[in-house]
All heavy atoms as atom14 arrays in JSON, in Angstrom:
{
  "sequence": "IAGLVVGATRLVLEFLNPAPPCGEPDTRPAILGSIHYLHF",
  "atom14_mask": [
    [1, 1, 1, 1, 1, 1, 1, 1, 0, 0, 0, 0, 0, 0],
    [1, 1, 1, 1, 1, 0, 0, 0, 0, 0, 0, 0, 0, 0],
    [1, 1, 1, 1, 0, 0, 0, 0, 0, 0, 0, 0, 0, 0],
    [1, 1, 1, 1, 1, 1, 1, 1, 0, 0, 0, 0, 0, 0],
    [1, 1, 1, 1, 1, 1, 1, 0, 0, 0, 0, 0, 0, 0],
    [1, 1, 1, 1, 1, 1, 1, 0, 0, 0, 0, 0, 0, 0],
    [1, 1, 1, 1, 0, 0, 0, 0, 0, 0, 0, 0, 0, 0],
    [1, 1, 1, 1, 1, 0, 0, 0, 0, 0, 0, 0, 0, 0],
    [1, 1, 1, 1, 1, 1, 1, 0, 0, 0, 0, 0, 0, 0],
    [1, 1, 1, 1, 1, 1, 1, 1, 1, 1, 1, 0, 0, 0],
    [1, 1, 1, 1, 1, 1, 1, 1, 0, 0, 0, 0, 0, 0],
    [1, 1, 1, 1, 1, 1, 1, 0, 0, 0, 0, 0, 0, 0],
    [1, 1, 1, 1, 1, 1, 1, 1, 0, 0, 0, 0, 0, 0],
    [1, 1, 1, 1, 1, 1, 1, 1, 1, 0, 0, 0, 0, 0],
    [1, 1, 1, 1, 1, 1, 1, 1, 1, 1, 1, 0, 0, 0],
    [1, 1, 1, 1, 1, 1, 1, 1, 0, 0, 0, 0, 0, 0],
    [1, 1, 1, 1, 1, 1, 1, 1, 0, 0, 0, 0, 0, 0],
    [1, 1, 1, 1, 1, 1, 1, 0, 0, 0, 0, 0, 0, 0],
    [1, 1, 1, 1, 1, 0, 0, 0, 0, 0, 0, 0, 0, 0],
    [1, 1, 1, 1, 1, 1, 1, 0, 0, 0, 0, 0, 0, 0],
    [1, 1, 1, 1, 1, 1, 1, 0, 0, 0, 0, 0, 0, 0],
    [1, 1, 1, 1, 1, 1, 0, 0, 0, 0, 0, 0, 0, 0],
    [1, 1, 1, 1, 0, 0, 0, 0, 0, 0, 0, 0, 0, 0],
    [1, 1, 1, 1, 1, 1, 1, 1, 1, 0, 0, 0, 0, 0],
    [1, 1, 1, 1, 1, 1, 1, 0, 0, 0, 0, 0, 0, 0],
    [1, 1, 1, 1, 1, 1, 1, 1, 0, 0, 0, 0, 0, 0],
    [1, 1, 1, 1, 1, 1, 1, 0, 0, 0, 0, 0, 0, 0],
    [1, 1, 1, 1, 1, 1, 1, 1, 1, 1, 1, 0, 0, 0],
    [1, 1, 1, 1, 1, 1, 1, 0, 0, 0, 0, 0, 0, 0],
    [1, 1, 1, 1, 1, 0, 0, 0, 0, 0, 0, 0, 0, 0],
    [1, 1, 1, 1, 1, 1, 1, 1, 0, 0, 0, 0, 0, 0],
    [1, 1, 1, 1, 1, 1, 1, 1, 0, 0, 0, 0, 0, 0],
    [1, 1, 1, 1, 0, 0, 0, 0, 0, 0, 0, 0, 0, 0],
    [1, 1, 1, 1, 1, 1, 0, 0, 0, 0, 0, 0, 0, 0],
    [1, 1, 1, 1, 1, 1, 1, 1, 0, 0, 0, 0, 0, 0],
    [1, 1, 1, 1, 1, 1, 1, 1, 1, 1, 0, 0, 0, 0],
    [1, 1, 1, 1, 1, 1, 1, 1, 1, 1, 1, 1, 0, 0],
    [1, 1, 1, 1, 1, 1, 1, 1, 0, 0, 0, 0, 0, 0],
    [1, 1, 1, 1, 1, 1, 1, 1, 1, 1, 0, 0, 0, 0],
    [1, 1, 1, 1, 1, 1, 1, 1, 1, 1, 1, 0, 0, 0]
  ],
  "atom14_positions": [
    [[94.48, 86.12, 133.22], [94.97, 85.67, 131.9], [95.28, 86.87, 131.0], [96.33, 86.97, 130.34], [93.92, 84.77, 131.23], [93.82, 83.48, 132.01], [94.27, 84.47, 129.79], [95.08, 82.65, 132.02], [0.0, 0.0, 0.0], [0.0, 0.0, 0.0], [0.0, 0.0, 0.0], [0.0, 0.0, 0.0], [0.0, 0.0, 0.0], [0.0, 0.0, 0.0]],
    [[94.39, 87.85, 130.99], [94.58, 89.03, 130.13], [95.81, 89.81, 130.58], [96.64, 90.24, 129.76], [93.36, 89.94, 130.19], [0.0, 0.0, 0.0], [0.0, 0.0, 0.0], [0.0, 0.0, 0.0], [0.0, 0.0, 0.0], [0.0, 0.0, 0.0], [0.0, 0.0, 0.0], [0.0, 0.0, 0.0], [0.0, 0.0, 0.0], [0.0, 0.0, 0.0]],
    [[95.94, 90.01, 131.93], [97.1, 90.7, 132.39], [98.39, 90.0, 132.13], [99.45, 90.62, 131.81], [0.0, 0.0, 0.0], [0.0, 0.0, 0.0], [0.0, 0.0, 0.0], [0.0, 0.0, 0.0], [0.0, 0.0, 0.0], [0.0, 0.0, 0.0], [0.0, 0.0, 0.0], [0.0, 0.0, 0.0], [0.0, 0.0, 0.0], [0.0, 0.0, 0.0]],
    [[98.38, 88.67, 132.29], [99.57, 87.89, 132.01], [99.98, 87.95, 130.56], [101.18, 88.12, 130.23], [99.34, 86.45, 132.4], [100.51, 85.47, 132.14], [101.72, 85.86, 132.94], [100.09, 84.03, 132.49], [0.0, 0.0, 0.0], [0.0, 0.0, 0.0], [0.0, 0.0, 0.0], [0.0, 0.0, 0.0], [0.0, 0.0, 0.0], [0.0, 0.0, 0.0]],
    [[99.02, 87.91, 129.64], [99.33, 87.98, 128.21], [99.95, 89.31, 127.87], [100.98, 89.38, 127.12], [98.09, 87.67, 127.37], [98.31, 87.97, 125.92], [97.61, 86.24, 127.53], [0.0, 0.0, 0.0], [0.0, 0.0, 0.0], [0.0, 0.0, 0.0], [0.0, 0.0, 0.0], [0.0, 0.0, 0.0], [0.0, 0.0, 0.0], [0.0, 0.0, 0.0]],
    [[99.32, 90.4, 128.31], [99.84, 91.76, 128.02], [101.21, 91.95, 128.65], [102.13, 92.44, 128.02], [98.84, 92.81, 128.46], [99.38, 94.2, 128.2], [97.53, 92.66, 127.68], [0.0, 0.0, 0.0], [0.0, 0.0, 0.0], [0.0, 0.0, 0.0], [0.0, 0.0, 0.0], [0.0, 0.0, 0.0], [0.0, 0.0, 0.0], [0.0, 0.0, 0.0]],
    [[101.36, 91.58, 129.91], [102.64, 91.75, 130.61], [103.76, 90.94, 130.0], [104.86, 91.37, 129.84], [0.0, 0.0, 0.0], [0.0, 0.0, 0.0], [0.0, 0.0, 0.0], [0.0, 0.0, 0.0], [0.0, 0.0, 0.0], [0.0, 0.0, 0.0], [0.0, 0.0, 0.0], [0.0, 0.0, 0.0], [0.0, 0.0, 0.0], [0.0, 0.0, 0.0]],
    [[103.44, 89.68, 129.65], [104.41, 88.79, 129.02], [104.8, 89.33, 127.67], [106.0, 89.18, 127.24], [103.9, 87.4, 128.93], [0.0, 0.0, 0.0], [0.0, 0.0, 0.0], [0.0, 0.0, 0.0], [0.0, 0.0, 0.0], [0.0, 0.0, 0.0], [0.0, 0.0, 0.0], [0.0, 0.0, 0.0], [0.0, 0.0, 0.0], [0.0, 0.0, 0.0]],
    [[103.88, 89.91, 126.94], [104.21, 90.47, 125.63], [105.23, 91.6, 125.77], [106.15, 91.67, 124.97], [102.94, 90.97, 124.94], [102.0, 89.9, 124.79], [103.26, 91.53, 123.58], [0.0, 0.0, 0.0], [0.0, 0.0, 0.0], [0.0, 0.0, 0.0], [0.0, 0.0, 0.0], [0.0, 0.0, 0.0], [0.0, 0.0, 0.0], [0.0, 0.0, 0.0]],
    [[105.04, 92.44, 126.75], [105.98, 93.55, 126.94], [107.36, 92.99, 127.34], [108.39, 93.49, 126.92], [105.49, 94.52, 127.95], [106.46, 95.68, 128.2], [105.96, 96.67, 129.25], [106.99, 97.66, 129.58], [107.19, 98.79, 129.01], [106.42, 99.16, 128.01], [108.16, 99.62, 129.41], [0.0, 0.0, 0.0], [0.0, 0.0, 0.0], [0.0, 0.0, 0.0]],
    [[107.36, 91.98, 128.21], [108.64, 91.38, 128.63], [109.38, 90.8, 127.44], [110.61, 90.97, 127.32], [108.37, 90.28, 129.67], [108.21, 90.7, 131.1], [107.99, 89.52, 132.0], [109.4, 91.53, 131.61], [0.0, 0.0, 0.0], [0.0, 0.0, 0.0], [0.0, 0.0, 0.0], [0.0, 0.0, 0.0], [0.0, 0.0, 0.0], [0.0, 0.0, 0.0]],
    [[108.69, 90.13, 126.55], [109.31, 89.55, 125.36], [109.88, 90.67, 124.47], [110.98, 90.55, 123.95], [108.32, 88.69, 124.56], [108.9, 88.24, 123.23], [107.92, 87.45, 125.4], [0.0, 0.0, 0.0], [0.0, 0.0, 0.0], [0.0, 0.0, 0.0], [0.0, 0.0, 0.0], [0.0, 0.0, 0.0], [0.0, 0.0, 0.0], [0.0, 0.0, 0.0]],
    [[109.14, 91.73, 124.29], [109.61, 92.86, 123.54], [110.84, 93.48, 124.18], [111.78, 93.88, 123.43], [108.51, 93.91, 123.38], [107.31, 93.53, 122.52], [106.3, 94.63, 122.52], [107.78, 93.22, 121.07], [0.0, 0.0, 0.0], [0.0, 0.0, 0.0], [0.0, 0.0, 0.0], [0.0, 0.0, 0.0], [0.0, 0.0, 0.0], [0.0, 0.0, 0.0]],
    [[110.92, 93.55, 125.49], [112.09, 94.12, 126.17], [113.28, 93.21, 125.96], [114.42, 93.67, 125.81], [111.81, 94.31, 127.66], [110.85, 95.47, 127.95], [110.7, 95.68, 129.44], [111.17, 94.81, 130.22], [110.13, 96.68, 129.78], [0.0, 0.0, 0.0], [0.0, 0.0, 0.0], [0.0, 0.0, 0.0], [0.0, 0.0, 0.0], [0.0, 0.0, 0.0]],
    [[113.08, 91.87, 125.94], [114.22, 90.98, 125.74], [114.71, 91.07, 124.27], [115.92, 90.99, 124.06], [113.8, 89.53, 126.02], [113.57, 89.28, 127.51], [112.6, 88.38, 127.89], [114.32, 89.88, 128.46], [112.41, 88.14, 129.23], [114.15, 89.65, 129.78], [113.16, 88.78, 130.21], [0.0, 0.0, 0.0], [0.0, 0.0, 0.0], [0.0, 0.0, 0.0]],
    [[113.78, 91.23, 123.32], [114.19, 91.34, 121.96], [114.77, 92.74, 121.56], [115.54, 92.83, 120.62], [112.99, 91.02, 121.04], [112.38, 89.63, 121.17], [111.18, 89.46, 120.24], [113.46, 88.58, 120.83], [0.0, 0.0, 0.0], [0.0, 0.0, 0.0], [0.0, 0.0, 0.0], [0.0, 0.0, 0.0], [0.0, 0.0, 0.0], [0.0, 0.0, 0.0]],
    [[114.35, 93.75, 122.31], [114.84, 95.09, 122.06], [115.4, 95.66, 123.36], [114.73, 96.47, 124.05], [113.71, 95.98, 121.53], [113.06, 95.39, 120.28], [113.56, 95.66, 119.17], [111.98, 94.68, 120.44], [0.0, 0.0, 0.0], [0.0, 0.0, 0.0], [0.0, 0.0, 0.0], [0.0, 0.0, 0.0], [0.0, 0.0, 0.0], [0.0, 0.0, 0.0]],
    [[116.62, 95.32, 123.73], [117.16, 95.82, 124.99], [117.39, 97.35, 124.94], [117.5, 97.93, 123.87], [118.51, 95.08, 125.1], [118.85, 94.67, 123.71], [117.54, 94.43, 123.02], [0.0, 0.0, 0.0], [0.0, 0.0, 0.0], [0.0, 0.0, 0.0], [0.0, 0.0, 0.0], [0.0, 0.0, 0.0], [0.0, 0.0, 0.0], [0.0, 0.0, 0.0]],
    [[117.4, 97.96, 126.11], [117.62, 99.4, 126.2], [119.0, 99.75, 125.75], [119.99, 99.02, 126.02], [117.4, 99.86, 127.64], [0.0, 0.0, 0.0], [0.0, 0.0, 0.0], [0.0, 0.0, 0.0], [0.0, 0.0, 0.0], [0.0, 0.0, 0.0], [0.0, 0.0, 0.0], [0.0, 0.0, 0.0], [0.0, 0.0, 0.0], [0.0, 0.0, 0.0]],
    [[119.15, 100.87, 125.08], [120.51, 101.3, 124.6], [121.39, 101.71, 125.78], [120.92, 102.07, 126.82], [120.21, 102.49, 123.69], [118.91, 103.06, 124.23], [118.12, 101.89, 124.73], [0.0, 0.0, 0.0], [0.0, 0.0, 0.0], [0.0, 0.0, 0.0], [0.0, 0.0, 0.0], [0.0, 0.0, 0.0], [0.0, 0.0, 0.0], [0.0, 0.0, 0.0]],
    [[122.72, 101.64, 125.55], [123.64, 102.1, 126.63], [123.43, 103.62, 126.9], [122.83, 104.35, 126.15], [125.02, 101.86, 126.04], [124.79, 100.79, 124.99], [123.43, 101.05, 124.46], [0.0, 0.0, 0.0], [0.0, 0.0, 0.0], [0.0, 0.0, 0.0], [0.0, 0.0, 0.0], [0.0, 0.0, 0.0], [0.0, 0.0, 0.0], [0.0, 0.0, 0.0]],
    [[123.99, 104.01, 128.03], [123.85, 105.42, 128.45], [124.4, 106.37, 127.43], [125.52, 106.2, 126.95], [124.51, 105.62, 129.79], [124.32, 107.24, 130.49], [0.0, 0.0, 0.0], [0.0, 0.0, 0.0], [0.0, 0.0, 0.0], [0.0, 0.0, 0.0], [0.0, 0.0, 0.0], [0.0, 0.0, 0.0], [0.0, 0.0, 0.0], [0.0, 0.0, 0.0]],
    [[123.61, 107.41, 127.1], [124.07, 108.42, 126.13], [123.71, 108.15, 124.69], [123.93, 109.06, 123.86], [0.0, 0.0, 0.0], [0.0, 0.0, 0.0], [0.0, 0.0, 0.0], [0.0, 0.0, 0.0], [0.0, 0.0, 0.0], [0.0, 0.0, 0.0], [0.0, 0.0, 0.0], [0.0, 0.0, 0.0], [0.0, 0.0, 0.0], [0.0, 0.0, 0.0]],
    [[123.24, 106.98, 124.34], [122.92, 106.62, 122.96], [121.45, 106.81, 122.74], [120.6, 106.67, 123.67], [123.33, 105.18, 122.64], [124.86, 104.94, 122.74], [125.21, 103.57, 122.28], [124.31, 102.85, 121.77], [126.42, 103.22, 122.36], [0.0, 0.0, 0.0], [0.0, 0.0, 0.0], [0.0, 0.0, 0.0], [0.0, 0.0, 0.0], [0.0, 0.0, 0.0]],
    [[121.01, 107.12, 121.53], [119.56, 107.3, 121.23], [118.78, 106.01, 121.39], [119.27, 104.95, 121.13], [119.57, 107.82, 119.78], [120.83, 107.32, 119.2], [121.86, 107.36, 120.33], [0.0, 0.0, 0.0], [0.0, 0.0, 0.0], [0.0, 0.0, 0.0], [0.0, 0.0, 0.0], [0.0, 0.0, 0.0], [0.0, 0.0, 0.0], [0.0, 0.0, 0.0]],
    [[117.5, 106.2, 121.77], [116.64, 105.08, 121.97], [115.84, 104.82, 120.69], [115.02, 105.65, 120.3], [115.69, 105.33, 123.11], [114.93, 104.11, 123.59], [115.01, 103.06, 122.87], [114.29, 104.14, 124.66], [0.0, 0.0, 0.0], [0.0, 0.0, 0.0], [0.0, 0.0, 0.0], [0.0, 0.0, 0.0], [0.0, 0.0, 0.0], [0.0, 0.0, 0.0]],
    [[116.12, 103.72, 120.0], [115.43, 103.39, 118.77], [114.45, 102.2, 118.91], [114.06, 101.6, 117.96], [116.51, 102.99, 117.71], [117.26, 101.89, 118.18], [117.39, 104.16, 117.43], [0.0, 0.0, 0.0], [0.0, 0.0, 0.0], [0.0, 0.0, 0.0], [0.0, 0.0, 0.0], [0.0, 0.0, 0.0], [0.0, 0.0, 0.0], [0.0, 0.0, 0.0]],
    [[114.07, 101.89, 120.15], [113.14, 100.81, 120.37], [111.72, 101.21, 119.94], [111.43, 102.4, 119.69], [113.14, 100.44, 121.85], [114.49, 99.87, 122.33], [114.39, 99.59, 123.84], [114.14, 100.79, 124.61], [113.8, 100.8, 125.89], [113.69, 99.64, 126.53], [113.58, 101.92, 126.54], [0.0, 0.0, 0.0], [0.0, 0.0, 0.0], [0.0, 0.0, 0.0]],
    [[110.82, 100.21, 119.85], [109.39, 100.6, 119.56], [108.83, 101.54, 120.57], [109.3, 101.68, 121.68], [108.7, 99.2, 119.63], [109.76, 98.21, 119.34], [111.01, 98.77, 119.96], [0.0, 0.0, 0.0], [0.0, 0.0, 0.0], [0.0, 0.0, 0.0], [0.0, 0.0, 0.0], [0.0, 0.0, 0.0], [0.0, 0.0, 0.0], [0.0, 0.0, 0.0]],
    [[107.74, 102.24, 120.15], [107.18, 103.29, 121.0], [106.63, 102.78, 122.32], [106.71, 103.46, 123.35], [106.09, 104.02, 120.25], [0.0, 0.0, 0.0], [0.0, 0.0, 0.0], [0.0, 0.0, 0.0], [0.0, 0.0, 0.0], [0.0, 0.0, 0.0], [0.0, 0.0, 0.0], [0.0, 0.0, 0.0], [0.0, 0.0, 0.0], [0.0, 0.0, 0.0]],
    [[106.13, 101.52, 122.31], [105.6, 100.97, 123.55], [106.7, 100.78, 124.61], [106.38, 100.73, 125.82], [104.89, 99.63, 123.27], [104.1, 99.18, 124.55], [105.88, 98.56, 122.85], [103.27, 97.98, 124.25], [0.0, 0.0, 0.0], [0.0, 0.0, 0.0], [0.0, 0.0, 0.0], [0.0, 0.0, 0.0], [0.0, 0.0, 0.0], [0.0, 0.0, 0.0]],
    [[107.95, 100.67, 124.17], [109.02, 100.51, 125.11], [109.76, 101.85, 125.39], [110.07, 102.16, 126.53], [110.08, 99.5, 124.59], [109.58, 98.08, 124.34], [110.69, 97.24, 123.78], [109.03, 97.51, 125.65], [0.0, 0.0, 0.0], [0.0, 0.0, 0.0], [0.0, 0.0, 0.0], [0.0, 0.0, 0.0], [0.0, 0.0, 0.0], [0.0, 0.0, 0.0]],
    [[110.01, 102.61, 124.35], [110.71, 103.87, 124.55], [109.88, 105.0, 125.06], [110.42, 105.85, 125.8], [0.0, 0.0, 0.0], [0.0, 0.0, 0.0], [0.0, 0.0, 0.0], [0.0, 0.0, 0.0], [0.0, 0.0, 0.0], [0.0, 0.0, 0.0], [0.0, 0.0, 0.0], [0.0, 0.0, 0.0], [0.0, 0.0, 0.0], [0.0, 0.0, 0.0]],
    [[108.6, 105.01, 124.74], [107.73, 106.15, 125.19], [106.99, 105.86, 126.48], [106.55, 106.84, 127.14], [106.76, 106.51, 124.07], [107.44, 106.82, 122.87], [0.0, 0.0, 0.0], [0.0, 0.0, 0.0], [0.0, 0.0, 0.0], [0.0, 0.0, 0.0], [0.0, 0.0, 0.0], [0.0, 0.0, 0.0], [0.0, 0.0, 0.0], [0.0, 0.0, 0.0]],
    [[106.75, 104.62, 126.8], [105.98, 104.26, 127.99], [106.91, 103.65, 129.04], [107.48, 102.58, 128.83], [104.87, 103.28, 127.64], [103.94, 103.83, 126.54], [104.02, 102.91, 128.86], [102.85, 102.91, 126.11], [0.0, 0.0, 0.0], [0.0, 0.0, 0.0], [0.0, 0.0, 0.0], [0.0, 0.0, 0.0], [0.0, 0.0, 0.0], [0.0, 0.0, 0.0]],
    [[107.13, 104.39, 130.12], [107.97, 103.89, 131.21], [107.31, 102.64, 131.84], [106.11, 102.48, 131.85], [108.14, 105.0, 132.26], [109.27, 104.73, 133.2], [109.08, 104.08, 134.39], [110.6, 105.0, 133.1], [110.26, 103.99, 135.02], [111.18, 104.57, 134.27], [0.0, 0.0, 0.0], [0.0, 0.0, 0.0], [0.0, 0.0, 0.0], [0.0, 0.0, 0.0]],
    [[108.18, 101.75, 132.38], [107.66, 100.53, 132.92], [106.74, 100.75, 134.12], [105.81, 99.98, 134.38], [108.77, 99.56, 133.28], [109.78, 100.06, 134.28], [109.55, 99.93, 135.62], [110.97, 100.65, 133.87], [110.49, 100.38, 136.52], [111.89, 101.11, 134.75], [111.64, 100.95, 136.11], [112.58, 101.38, 137.04], [0.0, 0.0, 0.0], [0.0, 0.0, 0.0]],
    [[106.98, 101.83, 134.87], [106.08, 102.15, 136.01], [104.7, 102.65, 135.49], [103.66, 102.27, 136.04], [106.72, 103.19, 136.9], [107.98, 102.77, 137.68], [108.51, 103.95, 138.52], [107.66, 101.55, 138.51], [0.0, 0.0, 0.0], [0.0, 0.0, 0.0], [0.0, 0.0, 0.0], [0.0, 0.0, 0.0], [0.0, 0.0, 0.0], [0.0, 0.0, 0.0]],
    [[104.71, 103.45, 134.46], [103.42, 103.87, 133.85], [102.72, 102.69, 133.18], [101.48, 102.57, 133.23], [103.71, 104.98, 132.8], [104.32, 106.19, 133.39], [105.03, 107.09, 132.67], [104.36, 106.66, 134.64], [105.47, 108.06, 133.43], [105.08, 107.84, 134.69], [0.0, 0.0, 0.0], [0.0, 0.0, 0.0], [0.0, 0.0, 0.0], [0.0, 0.0, 0.0]],
    [[103.51, 101.79, 132.62], [102.88, 100.6, 132.03], [102.22, 99.71, 133.11], [101.18, 99.13, 132.9], [103.94, 99.77, 131.29], [103.46, 98.44, 130.81], [102.7, 98.35, 129.63], [103.74, 97.26, 131.49], [102.23, 97.14, 129.16], [103.31, 96.07, 131.02], [102.51, 96.02, 129.89], [0.0, 0.0, 0.0], [0.0, 0.0, 0.0], [0.0, 0.0, 0.0]]
  ]
}
């Protein structure tokens, strides 16, 4: 349950804040822009 809640929260944030196109600056929240999905 805990893992599902945390993982689903990140998925929702990724859907609401998609990654920028190639070459553009990343203005997403720190949990998305600073933490790679493999490290997460």
